[in-house]
């Protein structure tokens, strides 16, 4: 997964360089063109994150690994940065920021005279990053980022068995890299800009100690960020040729997309006397697919459309156990492919750049697999889900646009056919990059 994000980082520069060298004949340089990008800026962001924590427990030669324990939550923060705009439309810059967060995973259990709770939480993060991008028009920048991040994690548990209370907590600092596969930043008016970015953070393993138990935790966090940015720089001239804005967004389109899948599945079981909630089972993987659709532009500012697509994914949840160094069992659940249909609507912030939201429905083909160390059994099943999300799409060449988006999917109850048992529902988050071809 790190390789995918690094390649995406490099691809923004490579693709935009190729585009700038292959302009259509009617793309012309307009003397006096200015942009508000460049110089110092400050910003505020709000984000949604889904995390997958790989958990390891071991004693002597016996071990169990759970990949993983899921978490989700929102975060917000502030950042400051500086961009340097090059004459050819490329931009490089750096940024630092701090963020509070509520990325939480929890487990609870109750029975007569017994209450038990456990929790893992990331309550703040700090990042320092560099970015490189290209102005696809004077008001819109596409970019990738890479940086260092530190996260503060807190683990705790509480047990009351009627005869006494046991509790403990621990906190650790996690360090790692934060890779932004694609971001889009566009002028909203004056010096105010809007930014969308998806960042995958890969953090180091740390160990929480609770009494005599040691819990090894290795987090991966996928985060979609929406920011408001205020730039202090004066408008600067740019001596480059930009792609022509389309006369209209109306028409058919098709595209290819790839990205990062994260999931958090909540299990709730119980009756009036015994039960609990496990929030949740974590999963992550890569996805790729294609889509087709139709846009209709309404007036000069609005675009509505419909599209459908299919995708394949490597996302899965897995538990492995071994005794004396010998694997004795494995259990995994994952998604092989999905098909979806959606409606979307957006606003043109300039003739080439669309900010949009969407809602739709998907059918997910999943599998469950169990092994006793020798024989493996596999079953497949289908799950329905509702989807919603949004993103930014901007033209980078005649008839070609790029799209960065983040979507959330909410599955149906997988246990609805089991009367009075409980519920098993997954929240999925996908950050993706797409190349779109307009006909």
Protein backbone atom coordinates (compact mmCIF):
# COMPACT_ATOMS: atom_id res chain seq x y z
CA UNK A 1 0.00 0.00 0.00
CA UNK A 2 2.87 2.35 0.63
CA UNK A 3 4.12 1.66 -2.91
CA UNK A 4 0.74 2.67 -4.36
CA UNK A 5 0.80 6.01 -2.52
CA UNK A 6 4.41 6.78 -3.47
CA UNK A 7 3.67 6.05 -7.13
CA UNK A 8 0.61 8.31 -6.94
CA UNK A 9 2.82 11.06 -5.54
CA UNK A 10 5.20 10.77 -8.49
CA UNK A 11 2.41 10.38 -11.03
CA UNK A 12 0.97 13.83 -10.39
CA UNK A 13 4.23 15.39 -11.55
CA UNK A 14 4.80 12.96 -14.43
CA UNK A 15 1.26 13.19 -15.82
CA UNK A 16 0.99 16.96 -15.60
CA UNK A 17 4.41 17.33 -17.22
CA UNK A 18 3.20 15.13 -20.07
CA UNK A 19 0.03 17.18 -20.38
CA UNK A 20 1.94 20.45 -20.50
CA UNK A 21 4.01 19.09 -23.38
CA UNK A 22 1.01 17.89 -25.40
CA UNK A 23 -1.38 20.86 -25.53
CA UNK A 24 -3.94 21.10 -28.29
CA UNK A 25 -3.16 23.58 -31.04
CA UNK A 26 -5.82 26.05 -29.88
CA UNK A 27 -4.43 26.28 -26.33
CA UNK A 28 -2.71 29.65 -26.23
CA UNK A 29 -0.68 31.63 -23.74
CA UNK A 30 -2.61 34.60 -22.38
CA UNK A 31 -0.26 37.45 -21.34
CA UNK A 32 -0.92 38.87 -17.89
CA UNK A 33 -2.48 35.67 -16.45
CA UNK A 34 -2.23 35.71 -12.64
CA UNK A 35 -2.78 33.22 -9.84
CA UNK A 36 -3.33 33.54 -6.09
CA UNK A 37 -1.17 30.49 -5.32
CA UNK A 38 2.25 31.03 -3.80
CA UNK A 39 3.47 32.51 -0.53
CA UNK A 40 2.42 31.94 3.07
CA UNK A 41 -0.98 30.57 4.02
CA UNK A 42 -2.99 29.37 7.02
CA UNK A 43 -5.84 26.90 7.07
CA UNK A 44 -8.41 25.00 9.09
CA UNK A 45 -9.61 21.48 8.34
CA UNK A 46 -12.17 18.89 9.30
CA UNK A 47 -11.61 15.22 8.53
CA UNK A 48 -13.09 11.74 8.72
CA UNK A 49 -10.80 8.81 9.50
CA UNK A 50 -11.06 5.04 9.54
CA UNK A 51 -8.21 3.12 11.16
CA UNK A 52 -7.08 -0.47 11.09
CA UNK A 53 -4.98 -1.51 14.08
CA UNK A 54 -3.04 -4.75 13.78
CA UNK A 55 -3.10 -6.33 17.24
CA UNK A 56 -0.57 -8.84 18.50
CA UNK A 57 -0.70 -10.94 21.69
CA UNK A 58 2.02 -13.45 22.58
CA UNK A 59 3.15 -15.62 25.46
CA UNK A 60 6.25 -17.81 25.13
CA UNK A 61 5.88 -19.51 21.71
CA UNK A 62 2.12 -18.96 21.43
CA UNK A 63 0.71 -15.97 19.58
CA UNK A 64 -2.38 -14.55 18.00
CA UNK A 65 -2.51 -11.73 15.46
CA UNK A 66 -5.68 -9.82 14.64
CA UNK A 67 -5.64 -7.66 11.51
CA UNK A 68 -7.33 -5.80 12.69
CA UNK A 69 -9.12 -3.88 15.36
CA UNK A 70 -10.96 -1.07 13.62
CA UNK A 71 -11.70 2.50 14.63
CA UNK A 72 -13.32 5.54 13.11
CA UNK A 73 -13.97 9.14 14.05
CA UNK A 74 -13.61 12.77 13.11
CA UNK A 75 -10.80 15.23 13.61
CA UNK A 76 -10.12 18.91 13.12
CA UNK A 77 -7.14 21.18 13.23
CA UNK A 78 -5.11 24.13 12.00
CA UNK A 79 -2.05 24.37 9.77
CA UNK A 80 0.38 26.90 8.34
CA UNK A 81 2.51 26.59 5.22
CA UNK A 82 4.45 28.19 2.43
CA UNK A 83 4.32 27.53 -1.32
CA UNK A 84 6.84 28.50 -3.96
CA UNK A 85 5.38 28.90 -7.44
CA UNK A 86 7.65 28.16 -10.39
CA UNK A 87 7.33 29.97 -13.72
CA UNK A 88 6.16 26.82 -15.56
CA UNK A 89 3.09 26.32 -13.35
CA UNK A 90 4.64 23.82 -10.95
CA UNK A 91 4.55 24.45 -7.21
CA UNK A 92 6.49 23.12 -4.24
CA UNK A 93 5.81 23.82 -0.58
CA UNK A 94 5.86 22.77 3.04
CA UNK A 95 3.32 22.68 5.86
CA UNK A 96 3.03 21.93 9.58
CA UNK A 97 -0.15 21.33 11.55
CA UNK A 98 -1.76 20.03 14.71
CA UNK A 99 -5.06 18.20 14.98
CA UNK A 100 -7.37 16.92 17.71
CA UNK A 101 -9.11 13.67 16.92
CA UNK A 102 -11.69 11.18 18.16
CA UNK A 103 -10.59 8.06 16.26
CA UNK A 104 -11.93 5.47 18.67
CA UNK A 105 -12.35 1.73 18.88
CA UNK A 106 -14.16 0.13 21.80
CA UNK A 107 -15.48 -3.15 23.16
CA UNK A 108 -18.08 -3.64 25.89
CA UNK A 109 -19.62 -6.70 27.53
CA UNK A 110 -22.27 -7.22 30.17
CA UNK A 111 -23.97 -10.06 32.01
CA UNK A 112 -25.61 -10.18 35.41
CA UNK A 113 -23.28 -8.46 37.90
CA UNK A 114 -20.49 -8.05 35.30
CA UNK A 115 -19.58 -5.01 33.19
CA UNK A 116 -16.41 -4.87 31.07
CA UNK A 117 -15.12 -2.17 28.71
CA UNK A 118 -11.97 -1.64 26.65
CA UNK A 119 -10.91 1.19 24.37
CA UNK A 120 -8.17 2.33 21.99
CA UNK A 121 -8.22 5.99 20.99
CA UNK A 122 -6.11 8.45 19.01
CA UNK A 123 -6.75 11.85 20.58
CA UNK A 124 -4.31 14.10 18.70
CA UNK A 125 -1.91 14.13 15.77
CA UNK A 126 0.80 16.46 14.49
CA UNK A 127 2.26 16.48 10.98
CA UNK A 128 5.00 18.10 8.94
CA UNK A 129 4.75 17.57 5.19
CA UNK A 130 6.04 18.66 1.81
CA UNK A 131 3.95 18.86 -1.34
CA UNK A 132 4.44 19.26 -5.07
CA UNK A 133 1.75 20.14 -7.57
CA UNK A 134 0.78 21.68 -10.87
CA UNK A 135 -1.65 24.46 -11.78
CA UNK A 136 -4.09 22.96 -14.26
CA UNK A 137 -5.66 26.41 -14.52
CA UNK A 138 -4.85 29.70 -12.75
CA UNK A 139 -7.37 28.90 -9.99
CA UNK A 140 -6.88 25.14 -9.46
CA UNK A 141 -3.91 23.11 -8.21
CA UNK A 142 -3.52 19.32 -8.21
CA UNK A 143 -0.87 18.02 -5.82
CA UNK A 144 0.54 15.13 -3.81
CA UNK A 145 2.14 15.23 -0.38
CA UNK A 146 4.48 13.24 1.81
CA UNK A 147 5.27 13.89 5.44
CA UNK A 148 6.04 12.73 8.95
CA UNK A 149 3.36 12.34 11.58
CA UNK A 150 3.16 11.66 15.31
CA UNK A 151 -0.03 10.38 16.94
CA UNK A 152 -0.90 10.13 20.62
CA UNK A 153 -2.76 6.93 21.48
CA UNK A 154 -4.53 5.98 24.71
CA UNK A 155 -5.58 2.45 25.69
CA UNK A 156 -7.71 1.53 28.71
CA UNK A 157 -9.92 -1.17 30.21
CA UNK A 158 -12.45 -1.42 33.04
CA UNK A 159 -13.99 -4.55 34.63
CA UNK A 160 -16.57 -4.63 37.43
CA UNK A 161 -17.54 -8.18 38.43
CA UNK A 162 -19.63 -7.22 41.42
CA UNK A 163 -16.86 -8.10 43.83
CA UNK A 164 -14.43 -5.40 42.85
CA UNK A 165 -13.19 -3.17 40.05
CA UNK A 166 -10.12 -3.72 37.87
CA UNK A 167 -8.92 -0.98 35.55
CA UNK A 168 -5.76 0.26 33.91
CA UNK A 169 -4.66 2.59 31.12
CA UNK A 170 -1.56 3.34 29.11
CA UNK A 171 -0.54 5.89 26.48
CA UNK A 172 1.98 5.72 23.68
CA UNK A 173 3.32 7.90 20.87
CA UNK A 174 3.16 6.46 17.36
CA UNK A 175 5.41 7.72 14.56
CA UNK A 176 5.22 7.22 10.83
CA UNK A 177 4.75 8.57 7.33
CA UNK A 178 1.70 10.29 5.89
CA UNK A 179 1.20 9.86 2.13
CA UNK A 180 -1.27 12.00 0.21
CA UNK A 181 -2.03 10.30 -3.11
CA UNK A 182 -3.91 13.23 -4.68
CA UNK A 183 -5.22 16.57 -3.50
CA UNK A 184 -7.08 19.33 -5.29
CA UNK A 185 -7.07 22.95 -4.13
CA UNK A 186 -9.12 25.63 -5.85
CA UNK A 187 -9.88 29.34 -5.40
CA UNK A 188 -13.29 30.04 -3.87
CA UNK A 189 -12.94 33.81 -4.01
CA UNK A 190 -10.19 36.35 -3.44
CA UNK A 191 -7.49 34.82 -1.24
CA UNK A 192 -9.79 32.09 0.08
CA UNK A 193 -9.28 28.57 -1.28
CA UNK A 194 -10.89 25.19 -0.69
CA UNK A 195 -8.85 21.96 -0.48
CA UNK A 196 -9.68 18.25 -0.65
CA UNK A 197 -7.03 15.63 0.18
CA UNK A 198 -6.89 11.95 1.11
CA UNK A 199 -3.96 10.89 3.31
CA UNK A 200 -2.91 7.38 4.36
CA UNK A 201 -0.77 7.28 7.52
CA UNK A 202 1.38 4.23 8.23
CA UNK A 203 2.54 4.23 11.87
CA UNK A 204 5.11 2.23 13.81
CA UNK A 205 4.28 -0.57 16.24
CA UNK A 206 4.04 0.35 19.91
CA UNK A 207 3.11 -1.74 22.95
CA UNK A 208 0.44 -0.92 25.53
CA UNK A 209 0.99 -2.53 28.92
CA UNK A 210 -2.02 -3.36 31.10
CA UNK A 211 -1.06 -5.06 34.34
CA UNK A 212 0.69 -8.25 33.08
CA UNK A 213 -0.70 -8.03 29.53
CA UNK A 214 1.26 -6.51 26.64
CA UNK A 215 -0.70 -5.46 23.56
CA UNK A 216 1.26 -4.72 20.36
CA UNK A 217 -0.54 -2.20 18.14
CA UNK A 218 0.38 -1.17 14.58
CA UNK A 219 -2.05 1.40 13.12
CA UNK A 220 -2.91 2.40 9.57
CA UNK A 221 -5.17 5.47 9.33
CA UNK A 222 -6.99 6.60 6.19
CA UNK A 223 -8.15 10.22 6.39
CA UNK A 224 -10.21 12.41 4.06
CA UNK A 225 -9.65 16.12 4.72
CA UNK A 226 -11.67 19.17 3.67
CA UNK A 227 -9.97 22.50 4.37
CA UNK A 228 -10.39 26.24 4.02
CA UNK A 229 -7.11 27.97 3.18
CA UNK A 230 -6.32 31.69 3.30
CA UNK A 231 -3.30 32.81 1.29
CA UNK A 232 -1.34 35.96 2.11
CA UNK A 233 0.51 36.24 -1.20
CA UNK A 234 -0.35 38.87 -3.78
CA UNK A 235 -1.49 37.66 -7.22
CA UNK A 236 1.50 36.47 -9.24
CA UNK A 237 1.92 36.22 -13.03
CA UNK A 238 2.31 32.72 -14.50
CA UNK A 239 3.97 32.24 -17.85
CA UNK A 240 2.44 28.95 -18.88
CA UNK A 241 -0.26 27.61 -21.19
CA UNK A 242 -3.40 26.24 -19.54
CA UNK A 243 -5.88 23.80 -20.99
CA UNK A 244 -9.05 25.35 -22.38
CA UNK A 245 -12.14 25.09 -20.20
CA UNK A 246 -14.84 22.89 -21.73
CA UNK A 247 -17.70 24.72 -23.41
CA UNK A 248 -20.05 22.52 -21.39
CA UNK A 249 -19.82 19.58 -19.00
CA UNK A 250 -22.84 17.98 -20.69
CA UNK A 251 -22.12 14.60 -22.25
CA UNK A 252 -21.08 11.01 -21.69
CA UNK A 253 -17.90 10.04 -19.86
CA UNK A 254 -15.96 6.98 -18.71
CA UNK A 255 -13.02 6.51 -16.44
CA UNK A 256 -10.62 4.40 -14.42
CA UNK A 257 -10.01 4.79 -10.71
CA UNK A 258 -7.86 3.34 -7.97
CA UNK A 259 -7.52 3.96 -4.28
CA UNK A 260 -7.35 2.89 -0.67
CA UNK A 261 -10.17 0.95 1.08
CA UNK A 262 -10.67 1.04 4.85
CA UNK A 263 -13.42 -0.57 6.91
CA UNK A 264 -14.72 -0.75 10.47
CA UNK A 265 -17.37 -3.37 11.31
CA UNK A 266 -19.46 -3.17 14.48
CA UNK A 267 -20.83 -6.34 16.08
CA UNK A 268 -23.69 -5.96 18.53
CA UNK A 269 -25.09 -9.06 20.27
CA UNK A 270 -27.26 -9.61 23.27
CA UNK A 271 -30.50 -10.24 25.03
CA UNK A 272 -31.89 -8.59 28.17
CA UNK A 273 -29.32 -10.36 30.34
CA UNK A 274 -26.14 -10.96 28.32
CA UNK A 275 -24.59 -9.03 25.47
CA UNK A 276 -22.06 -6.54 24.26
CA UNK A 277 -20.79 -4.35 21.46
CA UNK A 278 -17.51 -4.82 19.60
CA UNK A 279 -16.64 -1.71 17.59
CA UNK A 280 -15.00 -3.03 15.67
CA UNK A 281 -13.35 -5.37 13.20
CA UNK A 282 -10.87 -3.39 11.09
CA UNK A 283 -9.93 -4.00 7.47
CA UNK A 284 -7.92 -2.30 4.74
CA UNK A 285 -6.73 -2.89 1.19
CA UNK A 286 -6.41 -1.49 -2.31
CA UNK A 287 -9.14 -1.07 -4.90
CA UNK A 288 -9.34 -0.41 -8.64
CA UNK A 289 -12.10 -0.27 -11.23
CA UNK A 290 -13.92 1.58 -13.97
CA UNK A 291 -17.11 3.57 -14.45
CA UNK A 292 -19.30 5.22 -17.11
CA UNK A 293 -21.86 7.98 -16.81
CA UNK A 294 -23.57 11.06 -18.14
CA UNK A 295 -23.35 14.71 -17.01
CA UNK A 296 -25.81 17.50 -17.67
CA UNK A 297 -24.80 21.12 -17.06
CA UNK A 298 -27.57 23.38 -15.77
CA UNK A 299 -26.89 27.02 -16.52
CA UNK A 300 -23.36 28.26 -15.97
CA UNK A 301 -22.72 26.91 -12.46
CA UNK A 302 -24.38 23.54 -11.80
CA UNK A 303 -23.79 19.96 -13.01
CA UNK A 304 -25.95 16.91 -12.31
CA UNK A 305 -25.26 13.38 -13.46
CA UNK A 306 -25.61 9.65 -13.11
CA UNK A 307 -22.93 6.95 -13.22
CA UNK A 308 -22.33 3.28 -12.59
CA UNK A 309 -19.19 1.26 -12.08
CA UNK A 310 -17.47 -1.92 -10.96
CA UNK A 311 -14.36 -2.38 -8.84
CA UNK A 312 -12.14 -5.08 -7.38
CA UNK A 313 -10.65 -4.88 -3.89
CA UNK A 314 -8.08 -6.55 -1.64
CA UNK A 315 -9.70 -5.32 1.58
CA UNK A 316 -9.94 -8.00 4.28
CA UNK A 317 -10.02 -8.77 8.00
CA UNK A 318 -7.86 -11.64 9.26
CA UNK A 319 -7.06 -13.54 12.47
CA UNK A 320 -4.03 -15.86 12.70
CA UNK A 321 -3.05 -18.11 15.62
CA UNK A 322 0.00 -20.26 16.20
CA UNK A 323 1.28 -22.53 18.96
CA UNK A 324 4.95 -23.30 19.30
CA UNK A 325 5.66 -21.53 16.03
CA UNK A 326 3.21 -23.74 14.11
CA UNK A 327 0.16 -22.12 12.47
CA UNK A 328 -3.00 -23.76 13.82
CA UNK A 329 -5.73 -21.62 12.32
CA UNK A 330 -6.73 -18.63 10.23
CA UNK A 331 -10.00 -16.83 9.67
CA UNK A 332 -10.56 -14.04 7.16
CA UNK A 333 -13.41 -12.03 5.63
CA UNK A 334 -13.01 -9.75 2.63
CA UNK A 335 -14.54 -8.12 -0.44
CA UNK A 336 -13.67 -9.42 -3.90
CA UNK A 337 -15.62 -7.00 -6.09
CA UNK A 338 -18.50 -4.53 -6.03
CA UNK A 339 -20.89 -2.85 -8.46
CA UNK A 340 -22.50 0.51 -7.79
CA UNK A 341 -24.86 3.13 -9.19
CA UNK A 342 -24.97 6.74 -8.04
CA UNK A 343 -26.44 10.18 -8.63
CA UNK A 344 -24.26 13.22 -8.22
CA UNK A 345 -24.61 17.01 -8.24
CA UNK A 346 -22.04 19.74 -8.07
CA UNK A 347 -21.11 23.39 -8.40
CA UNK A 348 -18.55 24.81 -10.82
CA UNK A 349 -16.14 27.04 -8.91
CA UNK A 350 -14.58 27.88 -12.27
CA UNK A 351 -15.44 26.59 -15.77
CA UNK A 352 -12.90 23.73 -15.47
CA UNK A 353 -13.37 22.67 -11.81
CA UNK A 354 -16.36 20.96 -10.17
CA UNK A 355 -16.98 20.39 -6.45
CA UNK A 356 -19.56 17.61 -6.11
CA UNK A 357 -21.43 15.29 -3.79
CA UNK A 358 -23.07 11.94 -4.55
CA UNK A 359 -25.34 9.27 -3.17
CA UNK A 360 -26.03 5.76 -4.38
CA UNK A 361 -26.26 2.04 -3.85
CA UNK A 362 -23.79 -0.82 -4.18
CA UNK A 363 -23.77 -4.61 -4.27
CA UNK A 364 -20.66 -6.13 -2.66
CA UNK A 365 -19.48 -9.67 -3.39
CA UNK A 366 -17.69 -10.91 -0.25
CA UNK A 367 -16.07 -14.09 1.04
CA UNK A 368 -15.39 -15.84 4.32
CA UNK A 369 -12.47 -18.23 4.68
CA UNK A 370 -11.40 -20.49 7.53
CA UNK A 371 -8.40 -22.78 7.85
CA UNK A 372 -7.28 -25.20 10.53
CA UNK A 373 -3.68 -25.10 9.30
CA UNK A 374 -4.27 -27.75 6.65
CA UNK A 375 -7.75 -27.67 5.11
CA UNK A 376 -9.24 -24.35 3.96
CA UNK A 377 -12.95 -23.78 3.47
CA UNK A 378 -14.33 -20.78 1.60
CA UNK A 379 -17.84 -19.36 1.22
CA UNK A 380 -19.04 -16.36 -0.77
CA UNK A 381 -22.01 -14.08 -0.17
CA UNK A 382 -23.37 -10.69 -1.29
CA UNK A 383 -24.09 -7.61 0.81
CA UNK A 384 -26.00 -4.44 -0.06
CA UNK A 385 -24.79 -1.00 0.99
CA UNK A 386 -25.74 2.65 0.74
CA UNK A 387 -23.01 5.04 -0.42
CA UNK A 388 -22.45 8.77 -0.13
CA UNK A 389 -19.48 11.08 -0.50
CA UNK A 390 -17.96 13.87 -2.53
CA UNK A 391 -14.86 15.28 -4.11
CA UNK A 392 -13.36 17.58 -6.72
CA UNK A 393 -12.94 17.08 -10.46
CA UNK A 394 -10.90 19.32 -12.77
CA UNK A 395 -9.87 19.25 -16.43
CA UNK A 396 -6.17 18.69 -17.11
CA UNK A 397 -6.32 18.32 -20.93
CA UNK A 398 -8.89 18.61 -23.68
CA UNK A 399 -11.52 15.98 -22.91
CA UNK A 400 -9.64 14.64 -19.86
CA UNK A 401 -10.25 15.43 -16.20
CA UNK A 402 -8.89 14.05 -12.94
CA UNK A 403 -11.06 13.36 -9.92
CA UNK A 404 -10.22 13.01 -6.24
CA UNK A 405 -13.03 11.76 -4.02
CA UNK A 406 -13.88 10.15 -0.70
CA UNK A 407 -16.87 7.90 -0.17
CA UNK A 408 -18.50 6.22 2.82
CA UNK A 409 -20.52 3.00 2.50
CA UNK A 410 -22.93 1.64 5.11
CA UNK A 411 -23.85 -2.03 4.74
CA UNK A 412 -27.06 -3.74 5.67
CA UNK A 413 -27.21 -5.91 8.79
CA UNK A 414 -25.45 -9.16 7.92
CA UNK A 415 -27.25 -10.93 10.78
CA UNK A 416 -30.78 -9.78 10.02
CA UNK A 417 -31.89 -13.34 9.24
CA UNK A 418 -30.93 -14.50 12.75
CA UNK A 419 -33.79 -13.55 15.03
CA UNK A 420 -32.90 -11.64 18.20
CA UNK A 421 -29.17 -12.24 17.78
CA UNK A 422 -27.98 -8.70 17.10
CA UNK A 423 -26.38 -6.85 14.22
CA UNK A 424 -23.19 -6.82 12.18
CA UNK A 425 -22.75 -3.64 10.13
CA UNK A 426 -19.73 -2.30 8.29
CA UNK A 427 -18.73 1.33 7.71
CA UNK A 428 -16.35 1.59 4.77
CA UNK A 429 -14.27 4.54 3.62
CA UNK A 430 -12.58 4.80 0.21
CA UNK A 431 -10.22 7.50 -0.97
CA UNK A 432 -9.68 7.29 -4.71
CA UNK A 433 -8.09 8.98 -7.71
CA UNK A 434 -9.69 8.77 -11.17
CA UNK A 435 -8.86 9.69 -14.74
CA UNK A 436 -12.07 10.65 -16.61
CA UNK A 437 -12.49 10.77 -20.40
CA UNK A 438 -15.31 12.96 -21.77
CA UNK A 439 -17.01 12.22 -25.12
